[in-house]
Amino acid sequence: MMDYRKINSHIILLLLVMIVSLAIAMIGRRVVLENGFDEGTANLTLVIILGVCVIAYLVILATLAHVIIPWIMQKLPNRTKIEHKAIDNATITNEKENTLELANQSRQTFEERQIEELNEKIKIFLTYSHLSIALLITDEDLLQLDKYIECYARKIDLPENITLIKTKRVNNNDVMRFGWNMANYFDYEKQEVVSWLQTIFSEMQKLDASYIKGKLKHRTKNQIIPIIEDIPQYLEEQKK
């Protein structure tokens, strides 16, 4: 049996062309006969017409396949390319958004870690200050000093209503060494701690800034506050 599933659109189109060509050829043969020509001439006319129709069909088909259809396809927007481009753009946008989100998360994590590390450093230095400079100032001033130290460590402005701290006896060199220890511990510029000392301690306001900077690490006899290079290690040693 014939498998009708194998008959495709091209075969159907060819059959239609053959039927139309045969019909045109038959009409041409009849016209030739009606004009008084013999059977042979009429049959030859039929064959010629059929041949012309087939050739015309093949020419039209080739022209459509190789010239007209490609030209039309070039003029029409390529939907596949547009869709691919849209998909690519969406993918790039999503990747950028994901990258920015990851960057923001990393930045936030880094900032949070820095804040935690600074909080811990401040806590350690306040412990040190209570063991050192507490011998030179009152308990009330020590509480104020804690606030001023935190402002220095976080690099924020001191309060406008500063309560000047006055040592129990003149200990300028000890106060300056305390300032050096603080600047060295937080790894800040020494000039910044000079300004801080002059703002906080009343005795420091009477001294020139360049003099204080030059005496920050000056060692003296009977010193209460020595130079401490490693404050965490110093605190561990005090526990023993």
Foldseek 3Di string as FASTA:
>chain_A
DDDPVPDDPVNVVVVVLQVVLQVVLVVQLVVCVVVPDDNVVSVVSSVVSSVVSVVVVVVVVVCVVPPVVVVVVVVDDDPVVVVVVVVVVVVVVVVVVVVVVVVVVVVVVVVVVVVVVLVVLLVLVLVVCCVFCCQFFPPVLSVLVSQLLNCVSVVHDDDPPADATETPDDDLLLLLLSLVQSCLSSVHDSLSSLVSSCVHHVVSVVDDSVVSSVSSQPDDPPHRHHRDNDSVVVVVVVVD
